[in-house]
PDB file of N, CA and C in Angstrom:
ATOM      1  N   MET A   1      15.027   3.769   8.080  1.00  0.00           N
ATOM      2  CA  MET A   1      15.667   3.077   6.998  1.00  0.00           C
ATOM      3  C   MET A   1      17.160   3.007   7.305  1.00  0.00           C
ATOM      4  N   LYS A   2      17.715   1.813   7.219  1.00  0.00           N
ATOM      5  CA  LYS A   2      19.141   1.624   7.503  1.00  0.00           C
ATOM      6  C   LYS A   2      19.918   1.350   6.225  1.00  0.00           C
ATOM      7  N   ILE A   3      21.078   1.964   6.153  1.00  0.00           N
ATOM      8  CA  ILE A   3      22.032   1.714   5.079  1.00  0.00           C
ATOM      9  C   ILE A   3      23.285   1.201   5.768  1.00  0.00           C
ATOM     10  N   THR A   4      23.751   0.042   5.357  1.00  0.00           N
ATOM     11  CA  THR A   4      24.925  -0.533   6.007  1.00  0.00           C
ATOM     12  C   THR A   4      26.026  -0.811   4.990  1.00  0.00           C
ATOM     13  N   VAL A   5      27.251  -0.795   5.502  1.00  0.00           N
ATOM     14  CA  VAL A   5      28.431  -1.184   4.738  1.00  0.00           C
ATOM     15  C   VAL A   5      29.085  -2.292   5.551  1.00  0.00           C
ATOM     16  N   THR A   6      29.372  -3.401   4.893  1.00  0.00           N
ATOM     17  CA  THR A   6      29.929  -4.541   5.612  1.00  0.00           C
ATOM     18  C   THR A   6      31.395  -4.773   5.257  1.00  0.00           C
ATOM     19  N   ARG A   7      32.069  -5.421   6.174  1.00  0.00           N
ATOM     20  CA  ARG A   7      33.435  -5.899   5.991  1.00  0.00           C
ATOM     21  C   ARG A   7      33.469  -7.305   6.565  1.00  0.00           C
ATOM     22  N   SER A   8      33.926  -8.257   5.787  1.00  0.00           N
ATOM     23  CA  SER A   8      34.019  -9.659   6.207  1.00  0.00           C
ATOM     24  C   SER A   8      32.686 -10.175   6.752  1.00  0.00           C
ATOM     25  N   GLY A   9      31.595  -9.767   6.116  1.00  0.00           N
ATOM     26  CA  GLY A   9      30.268 -10.250   6.491  1.00  0.00           C
ATOM     27  C   GLY A   9      29.669  -9.590   7.723  1.00  0.00           C
ATOM     28  N   LYS A  10      30.339  -8.609   8.297  1.00  0.00           N
ATOM     29  CA  LYS A  10      29.830  -7.917   9.487  1.00  0.00           C
ATOM     30  C   LYS A  10      29.613  -6.440   9.175  1.00  0.00           C
ATOM     31  N   VAL A  11      28.611  -5.849   9.822  1.00  0.00           N
ATOM     32  CA  VAL A  11      28.340  -4.425   9.621  1.00  0.00           C
ATOM     33  C   VAL A  11      29.498  -3.617  10.196  1.00  0.00           C
ATOM     34  N   ALA A  12      30.129  -2.825   9.339  1.00  0.00           N
ATOM     35  CA  ALA A  12      31.248  -1.979   9.755  1.00  0.00           C
ATOM     36  C   ALA A  12      30.827  -0.514   9.858  1.00  0.00           C
ATOM     37  N   CYS A  13      29.741  -0.164   9.169  1.00  0.00           N
ATOM     38  CA  CYS A  13      29.233   1.206   9.198  1.00  0.00           C
ATOM     39  C   CYS A  13      27.728   1.163   8.985  1.00  0.00           C
ATOM     40  N   GLU A  14      27.019   1.974   9.753  1.00  0.00           N
ATOM     41  CA  GLU A  14      25.557   2.025   9.639  1.00  0.00           C
ATOM     42  C   GLU A  14      25.095   3.469   9.636  1.00  0.00           C
ATOM     43  N   LEU A  15      24.238   3.794   8.671  1.00  0.00           N
ATOM     44  CA  LEU A  15      23.614   5.105   8.571  1.00  0.00           C
ATOM     45  C   LEU A  15      22.111   4.882   8.624  1.00  0.00           C
ATOM     46  N   THR A  16      21.426   5.592   9.508  1.00  0.00           N
ATOM     47  CA  THR A  16      19.982   5.448   9.646  1.00  0.00           C
ATOM     48  C   THR A  16      19.314   6.751   9.245  1.00  0.00           C
ATOM     49  N   LEU A  17      18.318   6.645   8.373  1.00  0.00           N
ATOM     50  CA  LEU A  17      17.509   7.790   7.962  1.00  0.00           C
ATOM     51  C   LEU A  17      16.132   7.672   8.601  1.00  0.00           C
ATOM     52  N   ALA A  18      15.595   8.797   9.062  1.00  0.00           N
ATOM     53  CA  ALA A  18      14.252   8.834   9.633  1.00  0.00           C
ATOM     54  C   ALA A  18      13.454   9.924   8.917  1.00  0.00           C
ATOM     55  N   LYS A  19      12.235   9.574   8.520  1.00  0.00           N
ATOM     56  CA  LYS A  19      11.395  10.539   7.816  1.00  0.00           C
ATOM     57  C   LYS A  19      10.930  11.617   8.781  1.00  0.00           C
ATOM     58  N   LEU A  20      11.106  12.868   8.366  1.00  0.00           N
ATOM     59  CA  LEU A  20      10.611  13.987   9.162  1.00  0.00           C
ATOM     60  C   LEU A  20       9.195  14.335   8.720  1.00  0.00           C
ATOM     61  N   ARG A  21       9.059  14.789   7.480  1.00  0.00           N
ATOM     62  CA  ARG A  21       7.743  15.051   6.878  1.00  0.00           C
ATOM     63  C   ARG A  21       7.947  15.266   5.390  1.00  0.00           C
ATOM     64  N   GLY A  22       6.911  15.000   4.629  1.00  0.00           N
ATOM     65  CA  GLY A  22       7.000  15.164   3.182  1.00  0.00           C
ATOM     66  C   GLY A  22       8.185  14.398   2.621  1.00  0.00           C
ATOM     67  N   LYS A  23       9.065  15.113   1.939  1.00  0.00           N
ATOM     68  CA  LYS A  23      10.255  14.494   1.350  1.00  0.00           C
ATOM     69  C   LYS A  23      11.525  14.864   2.111  1.00  0.00           C
ATOM     70  N   ASP A  24      11.366  15.161   3.390  1.00  0.00           N
ATOM     71  CA  ASP A  24      12.504  15.508   4.242  1.00  0.00           C
ATOM     72  C   ASP A  24      12.866  14.317   5.121  1.00  0.00           C
ATOM     73  N   TRP A  25      14.138  13.907   5.052  1.00  0.00           N
ATOM     74  CA  TRP A  25      14.635  12.769   5.814  1.00  0.00           C
ATOM     75  C   TRP A  25      15.854  13.203   6.608  1.00  0.00           C
ATOM     76  N   GLU A  26      15.855  12.869   7.879  1.00  0.00           N
ATOM     77  CA  GLU A  26      16.957  13.215   8.759  1.00  0.00           C
ATOM     78  C   GLU A  26      17.973  12.083   8.839  1.00  0.00           C
ATOM     79  N   ILE A  27      19.247  12.446   8.807  1.00  0.00           N
ATOM     80  CA  ILE A  27      20.289  11.472   9.114  1.00  0.00           C
ATOM     81  C   ILE A  27      20.270  11.341  10.634  1.00  0.00           C
ATOM     82  N   LYS A  28      19.664  10.281  11.097  1.00  0.00           N
ATOM     83  CA  LYS A  28      19.440  10.097  12.525  1.00  0.00           C
ATOM     84  C   LYS A  28      20.672   9.547  13.231  1.00  0.00           C
ATOM     85  N   TYR A  29      21.421   8.724  12.514  1.00  0.00           N
ATOM     86  CA  TYR A  29      22.494   7.978  13.164  1.00  0.00           C
ATOM     87  C   TYR A  29      23.524   7.606  12.109  1.00  0.00           C
ATOM     88  N   LEU A  30      24.783   7.779  12.429  1.00  0.00           N
ATOM     89  CA  LEU A  30      25.869   7.352  11.543  1.00  0.00           C
ATOM     90  C   LEU A  30      27.018   6.915  12.426  1.00  0.00           C
ATOM     91  N   LEU A  31      27.382   5.663  12.311  1.00  0.00           N
ATOM     92  CA  LEU A  31      28.442   5.123  13.159  1.00  0.00           C
ATOM     93  C   LEU A  31      29.303   4.161  12.351  1.00  0.00           C
ATOM     94  N   THR A  32      30.597   4.311  12.499  1.00  0.00           N
ATOM     95  CA  THR A  32      31.550   3.391  11.905  1.00  0.00           C
ATOM     96  C   THR A  32      32.264   2.655  13.031  1.00  0.00           C
ATOM     97  N   ASP A  33      32.380   1.351  12.899  1.00  0.00           N
ATOM     98  CA  ASP A  33      33.109   0.550  13.877  1.00  0.00           C
ATOM     99  C   ASP A  33      34.518   1.123  13.998  1.00  0.00           C
ATOM    100  N   PRO A  34      34.995   1.371  15.219  1.00  0.00           N
ATOM    101  CA  PRO A  34      36.336   1.965  15.390  1.00  0.00           C
ATOM    102  C   PRO A  34      37.441   1.197  14.669  1.00  0.00           C
ATOM    103  N   LYS A  35      37.296  -0.111  14.490  1.00  0.00           N
ATOM    104  CA  LYS A  35      38.320  -0.889  13.776  1.00  0.00           C
ATOM    105  C   LYS A  35      38.402  -0.509  12.311  1.00  0.00           C
ATOM    106  N   HIS A  36      37.333   0.099  11.785  1.00  0.00           N
ATOM    107  CA  HIS A  36      37.276   0.405  10.356  1.00  0.00           C
ATOM    108  C   HIS A  36      37.275   1.905  10.055  1.00  0.00           C
ATOM    109  N   ARG A  37      37.520   2.716  11.054  1.00  0.00           N
ATOM    110  CA  ARG A  37      37.577   4.163  10.809  1.00  0.00           C
ATOM    111  C   ARG A  37      38.771   4.472   9.917  1.00  0.00           C
ATOM    112  N   GLY A  38      38.592   5.455   9.067  1.00  0.00           N
ATOM    113  CA  GLY A  38      39.642   5.843   8.128  1.00  0.00           C
ATOM    114  C   GLY A  38      39.556   5.108   6.800  1.00  0.00           C
ATOM    115  N   GLU A  39      38.585   4.196   6.656  1.00  0.00           N
ATOM    116  CA  GLU A  39      38.420   3.442   5.411  1.00  0.00           C
ATOM    117  C   GLU A  39      37.360   4.051   4.495  1.00  0.00           C
ATOM    118  N   LYS A  40      36.859   5.224   4.848  1.00  0.00           N
ATOM    119  CA  LYS A  40      35.856   5.950   4.059  1.00  0.00           C
ATOM    120  C   LYS A  40      34.523   5.211   3.955  1.00  0.00           C
ATOM    121  N   LEU A  41      34.225   4.397   4.953  1.00  0.00           N
ATOM    122  CA  LEU A  41      32.964   3.654   4.945  1.00  0.00           C
ATOM    123  C   LEU A  41      31.778   4.575   5.190  1.00  0.00           C
ATOM    124  N   ALA A  42      31.931   5.591   6.035  1.00  0.00           N
ATOM    125  CA  ALA A  42      30.850   6.547   6.265  1.00  0.00           C
ATOM    126  C   ALA A  42      30.535   7.298   4.975  1.00  0.00           C
ATOM    127  N   ALA A  43      31.573   7.656   4.221  1.00  0.00           N
ATOM    128  CA  ALA A  43      31.363   8.335   2.939  1.00  0.00           C
ATOM    129  C   ALA A  43      30.632   7.416   1.968  1.00  0.00           C
ATOM    130  N   ARG A  44      30.934   6.139   2.010  1.00  0.00           N
ATOM    131  CA  ARG A  44      30.247   5.174   1.143  1.00  0.00           C
ATOM    132  C   ARG A  44      28.775   5.065   1.534  1.00  0.00           C
ATOM    133  N   ALA A  45      28.485   4.983   2.835  1.00  0.00           N
ATOM    134  CA  ALA A  45      27.095   4.902   3.293  1.00  0.00           C
ATOM    135  C   ALA A  45      26.338   6.183   2.930  1.00  0.00           C
ATOM    136  N   LEU A  46      26.990   7.344   3.111  1.00  0.00           N
ATOM    137  CA  LEU A  46      26.348   8.607   2.768  1.00  0.00           C
ATOM    138  C   LEU A  46      26.097   8.696   1.263  1.00  0.00           C
ATOM    139  N   ALA A  47      27.026   8.223   0.447  1.00  0.00           N
ATOM    140  CA  ALA A  47      26.829   8.233  -1.015  1.00  0.00           C
ATOM    141  C   ALA A  47      25.607   7.402  -1.395  1.00  0.00           C
ATOM    142  N   ARG A  48      25.409   6.287  -0.713  1.00  0.00           N
ATOM    143  CA  ARG A  48      24.219   5.466  -0.979  1.00  0.00           C
ATOM    144  C   ARG A  48      22.949   6.216  -0.595  1.00  0.00           C
ATOM    145  N   ALA A  49      22.983   6.901   0.560  1.00  0.00           N
ATOM    146  CA  ALA A  49      21.825   7.689   0.990  1.00  0.00           C
ATOM    147  C   ALA A  49      21.560   8.833   0.005  1.00  0.00           C
ATOM    148  N   GLU A  50      22.611   9.493  -0.453  1.00  0.00           N
ATOM    149  CA  GLU A  50      22.463  10.582  -1.417  1.00  0.00           C
ATOM    150  C   GLU A  50      21.871  10.080  -2.728  1.00  0.00           C
ATOM    151  N   HIS A  51      22.334   8.948  -3.189  1.00  0.00           N
ATOM    152  CA  HIS A  51      21.819   8.361  -4.426  1.00  0.00           C
ATOM    153  C   HIS A  51      20.324   8.089  -4.288  1.00  0.00           C
ATOM    154  N   LEU A  52      19.939   7.488  -3.190  1.00  0.00           N
ATOM    155  CA  LEU A  52      18.533   7.196  -2.924  1.00  0.00           C
ATOM    156  C   LEU A  52      17.728   8.494  -2.839  1.00  0.00           C
ATOM    157  N   ALA A  53      18.255   9.483  -2.126  1.00  0.00           N
ATOM    158  CA  ALA A  53      17.566  10.768  -1.986  1.00  0.00           C
ATOM    159  C   ALA A  53      17.400  11.459  -3.340  1.00  0.00           C
ATOM    160  N   ASP A  54      18.420  11.419  -4.165  1.00  0.00           N
ATOM    161  CA  ASP A  54      18.336  12.040  -5.485  1.00  0.00           C
ATOM    162  C   ASP A  54      17.278  11.358  -6.345  1.00  0.00           C
ATOM    163  N   ARG A  55      17.251  10.042  -6.315  1.00  0.00           N
ATOM    164  CA  ARG A  55      16.254   9.298  -7.105  1.00  0.00           C
ATOM    165  C   ARG A  55      14.827   9.573  -6.650  1.00  0.00           C
ATOM    166  N   ARG A  56      14.645   9.781  -5.345  1.00  0.00           N
ATOM    167  CA  ARG A  56      13.299   9.953  -4.792  1.00  0.00           C
ATOM    168  C   ARG A  56      12.923  11.408  -4.522  1.00  0.00           C
ATOM    169  N   GLY A  57      13.845  12.326  -4.797  1.00  0.00           N
ATOM    170  CA  GLY A  57      13.553  13.741  -4.595  1.00  0.00           C
ATOM    171  C   GLY A  57      13.527  14.161  -3.135  1.00  0.00           C
ATOM    172  N   TRP A  58      14.283  13.485  -2.288  1.00  0.00           N
ATOM    173  CA  TRP A  58      14.307  13.780  -0.861  1.00  0.00           C
ATOM    174  C   TRP A  58      15.361  14.826  -0.532  1.00  0.00           C
ATOM    175  N   ARG A  59      15.080  15.631   0.491  1.00  0.00           N
ATOM    176  CA  ARG A  59      16.103  16.480   1.104  1.00  0.00           C
ATOM    177  C   ARG A  59      16.651  15.712   2.295  1.00  0.00           C
ATOM    178  N   LEU A  60      17.954  15.743   2.463  1.00  0.00           N
ATOM    179  CA  LEU A  60      18.586  15.115   3.620  1.00  0.00           C
ATOM    180  C   LEU A  60      18.914  16.205   4.635  1.00  0.00           C
ATOM    181  N   ILE A  61      18.520  15.964   5.881  1.00  0.00           N
ATOM    182  CA  ILE A  61      18.712  16.920   6.962  1.00  0.00           C
ATOM    183  C   ILE A  61      19.737  16.350   7.932  1.00  0.00           C
ATOM    184  N   GLY A  62      20.759  17.119   8.223  1.00  0.00           N
ATOM    185  CA  GLY A  62      21.788  16.681   9.162  1.00  0.00           C
ATOM    186  C   GLY A  62      21.772  17.527  10.427  1.00  0.00           C
ATOM    187  N   LEU A  63      21.341  16.927  11.521  1.00  0.00           N
ATOM    188  CA  LEU A  63      21.443  17.555  12.841  1.00  0.00           C
ATOM    189  C   LEU A  63      22.735  17.030  13.440  1.00  0.00           C
ATOM    190  N   VAL A  64      23.632  17.887  13.792  1.00  0.00           N
ATOM    191  CA  VAL A  64      24.934  17.435  14.266  1.00  0.00           C
ATOM    192  C   VAL A  64      24.919  17.356  15.790  1.00  0.00           C
ATOM    193  N   ASP A  65      24.999  16.129  16.289  1.00  0.00           N
ATOM    194  CA  ASP A  65      25.000  15.887  17.735  1.00  0.00           C
ATOM    195  C   ASP A  65      25.972  14.740  18.018  1.00  0.00           C
ATOM    196  N   PRO A  66      27.268  15.056  18.098  1.00  0.00           N
ATOM    197  CA  PRO A  66      28.255  13.988  18.290  1.00  0.00           C
ATOM    198  C   PRO A  66      28.094  13.299  19.643  1.00  0.00           C
ATOM    199  N   ASP A  67      28.497  12.034  19.671  1.00  0.00           N
ATOM    200  CA  ASP A  67      28.363  11.251  20.908  1.00  0.00           C
ATOM    201  C   ASP A  67      29.670  11.138  21.682  1.00  0.00           C
ATOM    202  N   ARG A  68      30.658  11.888  21.304  1.00  0.00           N
ATOM    203  CA  ARG A  68      31.965  11.942  21.974  1.00  0.00           C
ATOM    204  C   ARG A  68      32.817  10.684  21.777  1.00  0.00           C
ATOM    205  N   THR A  69      32.425   9.818  20.864  1.00  0.00           N
ATOM    206  CA  THR A  69      33.253   8.639  20.598  1.00  0.00           C
ATOM    207  C   THR A  69      33.922   8.721  19.230  1.00  0.00           C
ATOM    208  N   GLY A  70      33.541   9.699  18.446  1.00  0.00           N
ATOM    209  CA  GLY A  70      34.096   9.807  17.096  1.00  0.00           C
ATOM    210  C   GLY A  70      34.520  11.235  16.816  1.00  0.00           C
ATOM    211  N   LEU A  71      33.993  11.792  15.739  1.00  0.00           N
ATOM    212  CA  LEU A  71      34.347  13.139  15.314  1.00  0.00           C
ATOM    213  C   LEU A  71      33.708  14.193  16.216  1.00  0.00           C
ATOM    214  N   THR A  72      34.329  15.374  16.248  1.00  0.00           N
ATOM    215  CA  THR A  72      33.757  16.504  16.973  1.00  0.00           C
ATOM    216  C   THR A  72      32.659  17.135  16.116  1.00  0.00           C
ATOM    217  N   LYS A  73      31.906  18.063  16.710  1.00  0.00           N
ATOM    218  CA  LYS A  73      30.857  18.759  15.974  1.00  0.00           C
ATOM    219  C   LYS A  73      31.434  19.483  14.760  1.00  0.00           C
ATOM    220  N   ASP A  74      32.535  20.197  14.943  1.00  0.00           N
ATOM    221  CA  ASP A  74      33.142  20.922  13.823  1.00  0.00           C
ATOM    222  C   ASP A  74      33.613  19.979  12.722  1.00  0.00           C
ATOM    223  N   GLN A  75      34.155  18.833  13.093  1.00  0.00           N
ATOM    224  CA  GLN A  75      34.600  17.855  12.091  1.00  0.00           C
ATOM    225  C   GLN A  75      33.411  17.293  11.308  1.00  0.00           C
ATOM    226  N   ILE A  76      32.313  17.026  11.999  1.00  0.00           N
ATOM    227  CA  ILE A  76      31.118  16.496  11.323  1.00  0.00           C
ATOM    228  C   ILE A  76      30.544  17.538  10.378  1.00  0.00           C
ATOM    229  N   VAL A  77      30.460  18.788  10.840  1.00  0.00           N
ATOM    230  CA  VAL A  77      29.948  19.866   9.983  1.00  0.00           C
ATOM    231  C   VAL A  77      30.809  19.993   8.732  1.00  0.00           C
ATOM    232  N   GLY A  78      32.118  19.999   8.881  1.00  0.00           N
ATOM    233  CA  GLY A  78      33.017  20.085   7.731  1.00  0.00           C
ATOM    234  C   GLY A  78      32.846  18.917   6.775  1.00  0.00           C
ATOM    235  N   TRP A  79      32.690  17.719   7.331  1.00  0.00           N
ATOM    236  CA  TRP A  79      32.519  16.515   6.512  1.00  0.00           C
ATOM    237  C   TRP A  79      31.225  16.600   5.714  1.00  0.00           C
ATOM    238  N   LEU A  80      30.125  17.001   6.367  1.00  0.00           N
ATOM    239  CA  LEU A  80      28.851  17.119   5.652  1.00  0.00           C
ATOM    240  C   LEU A  80      28.914  18.212   4.585  1.00  0.00           C
ATOM    241  N   LYS A  81      29.578  19.316   4.884  1.00  0.00           N
ATOM    242  CA  LYS A  81      29.718  20.380   3.883  1.00  0.00           C
ATOM    243  C   LYS A  81      30.502  19.886   2.667  1.00  0.00           C
ATOM    244  N   ARG A  82      31.533  19.092   2.896  1.00  0.00           N
ATOM    245  CA  ARG A  82      32.302  18.530   1.771  1.00  0.00           C
ATOM    246  C   ARG A  82      31.447  17.587   0.935  1.00  0.00           C
ATOM    247  N   HIS A  83      30.377  17.078   1.526  1.00  0.00           N
ATOM    248  CA  HIS A  83      29.477  16.171   0.814  1.00  0.00           C
ATOM    249  C   HIS A  83      28.229  16.884   0.294  1.00  0.00           C
ATOM    250  N   GLY A  84      28.285  18.202   0.189  1.00  0.00           N
ATOM    251  CA  GLY A  84      27.215  18.951  -0.459  1.00  0.00           C
ATOM    252  C   GLY A  84      26.118  19.482   0.445  1.00  0.00           C
ATOM    253  N   PHE A  85      26.273  19.372   1.746  1.00  0.00           N
ATOM    254  CA  PHE A  85      25.293  19.933   2.676  1.00  0.00           C
ATOM    255  C   PHE A  85      25.624  21.404   2.920  1.00  0.00           C
ATOM    256  N   ALA A  86      24.599  22.188   3.213  1.00  0.00           N
ATOM    257  CA  ALA A  86      24.783  23.607   3.519  1.00  0.00           C
ATOM    258  C   ALA A  86      23.914  23.981   4.715  1.00  0.00           C
ATOM    259  N   HIS A  87      24.383  24.956   5.498  1.00  0.00           N
ATOM    260  CA  HIS A  87      23.603  25.415   6.642  1.00  0.00           C
ATOM    261  C   HIS A  87      22.328  26.118   6.176  1.00  0.00           C
ATOM    262  N   ASP A  88      21.242  25.857   6.887  1.00  0.00           N
ATOM    263  CA  ASP A  88      19.974  26.541   6.646  1.00  0.00           C
ATOM    264  C   ASP A  88      19.103  26.332   7.882  1.00  0.00           C
ATOM    265  N   TRP A  89      18.013  27.066   7.952  1.00  0.00           N
ATOM    266  CA  TRP A  89      17.054  26.908   9.049  1.00  0.00           C
ATOM    267  C   TRP A  89      16.006  25.888   8.646  1.00  0.00           C
ATOM    268  N   TYR A  90      15.625  25.034   9.603  1.00  0.00           N
ATOM    269  CA  TYR A  90      14.595  24.026   9.343  1.00  0.00           C
ATOM    270  C   TYR A  90      13.522  24.153  10.425  1.00  0.00           C
ATOM    271  N   ALA A  91      12.257  24.209  10.010  1.00  0.00           N
ATOM    272  CA  ALA A  91      11.137  24.313  10.948  1.00  0.00           C
ATOM    273  C   ALA A  91      10.679  22.907  11.336  1.00  0.00           C
ATOM    274  N   PHE A  92      10.990  22.520  12.558  1.00  0.00           N
ATOM    275  CA  PHE A  92      10.576  21.219  13.061  1.00  0.00           C
ATOM    276  C   PHE A  92       9.133  21.253  13.570  1.00  0.00           C
ATOM    277  N   GLY A  93       8.641  22.425  13.837  1.00  0.00           N
ATOM    278  CA  GLY A  93       7.277  22.613  14.309  1.00  0.00           C
ATOM    279  C   GLY A  93       6.920  24.077  14.152  1.00  0.00           C
ATOM    280  N   PRO A  94       5.685  24.438  14.506  1.00  0.00           N
ATOM    281  CA  PRO A  94       5.250  25.821  14.305  1.00  0.00           C
ATOM    282  C   PRO A  94       6.074  26.838  15.086  1.00  0.00           C
ATOM    283  N   ASN A  95       6.610  26.448  16.222  1.00  0.00           N
ATOM    284  CA  ASN A  95       7.383  27.378  17.038  1.00  0.00           C
ATOM    285  C   ASN A  95       8.809  26.914  17.290  1.00  0.00           C
ATOM    286  N   TRP A  96       9.290  25.998  16.471  1.00  0.00           N
ATOM    287  CA  TRP A  96      10.627  25.463  16.710  1.00  0.00           C
ATOM    288  C   TRP A  96      11.394  25.353  15.403  1.00  0.00           C
ATOM    289  N   ARG A  97      12.379  26.250  15.257  1.00  0.00           N
ATOM    290  CA  ARG A  97      13.283  26.212  14.111  1.00  0.00           C
ATOM    291  C   ARG A  97      14.683  25.983  14.630  1.00  0.00           C
ATOM    292  N   LYS A  98      15.469  25.288  13.826  1.00  0.00           N
ATOM    293  CA  LYS A  98      16.848  25.023  14.225  1.00  0.00           C
ATOM    294  C   LYS A  98      17.730  25.124  12.989  1.00  0.00           C
ATOM    295  N   ARG A  99      18.940  25.607  13.198  1.00  0.00           N
ATOM    296  CA  ARG A  99      19.923  25.676  12.105  1.00  0.00           C
ATOM    297  C   ARG A  99      20.513  24.281  11.942  1.00  0.00           C
ATOM    298  N   VAL A 100      20.395  23.755  10.739  1.00  0.00           N
ATOM    299  CA  VAL A 100      20.846  22.396  10.435  1.00  0.00           C
ATOM    300  C   VAL A 100      21.633  22.418   9.133  1.00  0.00           C
ATOM    301  N   LEU A 101      22.102  21.266   8.738  1.00  0.00           N
ATOM    302  CA  LEU A 101      22.743  21.107   7.432  1.00  0.00           C
ATOM    303  C   LEU A 101      21.763  20.374   6.526  1.00  0.00           C
ATOM    304  N   ILE A 102      21.568  20.913   5.323  1.00  0.00           N
ATOM    305  CA  ILE A 102      20.579  20.361   4.395  1.00  0.00           C
ATOM    306  C   ILE A 102      21.243  20.086   3.056  1.00  0.00           C
ATOM    307  N   ARG A 103      20.891  18.948   2.482  1.00  0.00           N
ATOM    308  CA  ARG A 103      21.320  18.613   1.124  1.00  0.00           C
ATOM    309  C   ARG A 103      20.073  18.438   0.281  1.00  0.00           C
ATOM    310  N   THR A 104      19.939  19.269  -0.744  1.00  0.00           N
ATOM    311  CA  THR A 104      18.786  19.173  -1.632  1.00  0.00           C
ATOM    312  C   THR A 104      19.066  18.129  -2.706  1.00  0.00           C
ATOM    313  N   PRO A 105      18.000  17.521  -3.249  1.00  0.00           N
ATOM    314  CA  PRO A 105      18.217  16.494  -4.274  1.00  0.00           C
ATOM    315  C   PRO A 105      18.866  17.080  -5.522  1.00  0.00           C
ATOM    316  N   ARG A 106      19.705  16.283  -6.138  1.00  0.00           N
ATOM    317  CA  ARG A 106      20.377  16.663  -7.380  1.00  0.00           C
ATOM    318  C   ARG A 106      19.622  16.066  -8.566  1.00  0.00           C
ATOM    319  N   PRO A 107      19.671  16.741  -9.708  1.00  0.00           N
ATOM    320  CA  PRO A 107      19.117  16.119 -10.918  1.00  0.00           C
ATOM    321  C   PRO A 107      19.810  14.790 -11.169  1.00  0.00           C
ATOM    322  N   SER A 108      19.147  13.881 -11.817  1.00  0.00           N
ATOM    323  CA  SER A 108      19.665  12.513 -11.977  1.00  0.00           C
ATOM    324  C   SER A 108      21.068  12.451 -12.552  1.00  0.00           C
ATOM    325  N   GLY A 109      21.427  13.343 -13.426  1.00  0.00           N
ATOM    326  CA  GLY A 109      22.764  13.310 -14.013  1.00  0.00           C
ATOM    327  C   GLY A 109      23.846  13.848 -13.093  1.00  0.00           C
ATOM    328  N   ASP A 110      23.440  14.545 -12.018  1.00  0.00           N
ATOM    329  CA  ASP A 110      24.410  15.185 -11.133  1.00  0.00           C
ATOM    330  C   ASP A 110      24.661  14.415  -9.850  1.00  0.00           C
ATOM    331  N   SER A 111      23.946  13.319  -9.618  1.00  0.00           N
ATOM    332  CA  SER A 111      24.079  12.632  -8.331  1.00  0.00           C
ATOM    333  C   SER A 111      25.425  11.920  -8.234  1.00  0.00           C
ATOM    334  N   ALA A 112      25.846  11.736  -7.006  1.00  0.00           N
ATOM    335  CA  ALA A 112      27.108  11.038  -6.753  1.00  0.00           C
ATOM    336  C   ALA A 112      27.012   9.598  -7.259  1.00  0.00           C
ATOM    337  N   ARG A 113      28.140   9.083  -7.650  1.00  0.00           N
ATOM    338  CA  ARG A 113      28.168   7.699  -8.113  1.00  0.00           C
ATOM    339  C   ARG A 113      27.839   6.770  -6.942  1.00  0.00           C
ATOM    340  N   PHE A 114      26.949   5.844  -7.196  1.00  0.00           N
ATOM    341  CA  PHE A 114      26.540   4.888  -6.161  1.00  0.00           C
ATOM    342  C   PHE A 114      27.676   3.906  -5.927  1.00  0.00           C
ATOM    343  N   VAL A 115      28.122   3.816  -4.675  1.00  0.00           N
ATOM    344  CA  VAL A 115      29.235   2.926  -4.335  1.00  0.00           C
ATOM    345  C   VAL A 115      28.814   1.880  -3.344  1.00  0.00           C
TER     346      VAL A 115
END
């Protein structure tokens, strides 16, 4: 599932969610066009994903794997924490657990304003 934010009719930021299992969805991809960095477009895309997750009762899972063209791992972790994610262990399989950032769904009155 893709969530996009446009500027002048072109995609300036894209966030992709991929279903893991049950109501768990991973933030698979988040990229902002370098021309539009600093405009809070990633925060806008994440707010849309959070709104959707809250409405549907989904947990959002953030695996931090920077591609060396944007933020560092520490910057991404800090950004996700500021957006309500917290470190926890996630079982990807019977013998594979990894420490990730997880955001649990908020009650309908507590969700971020959809932007």
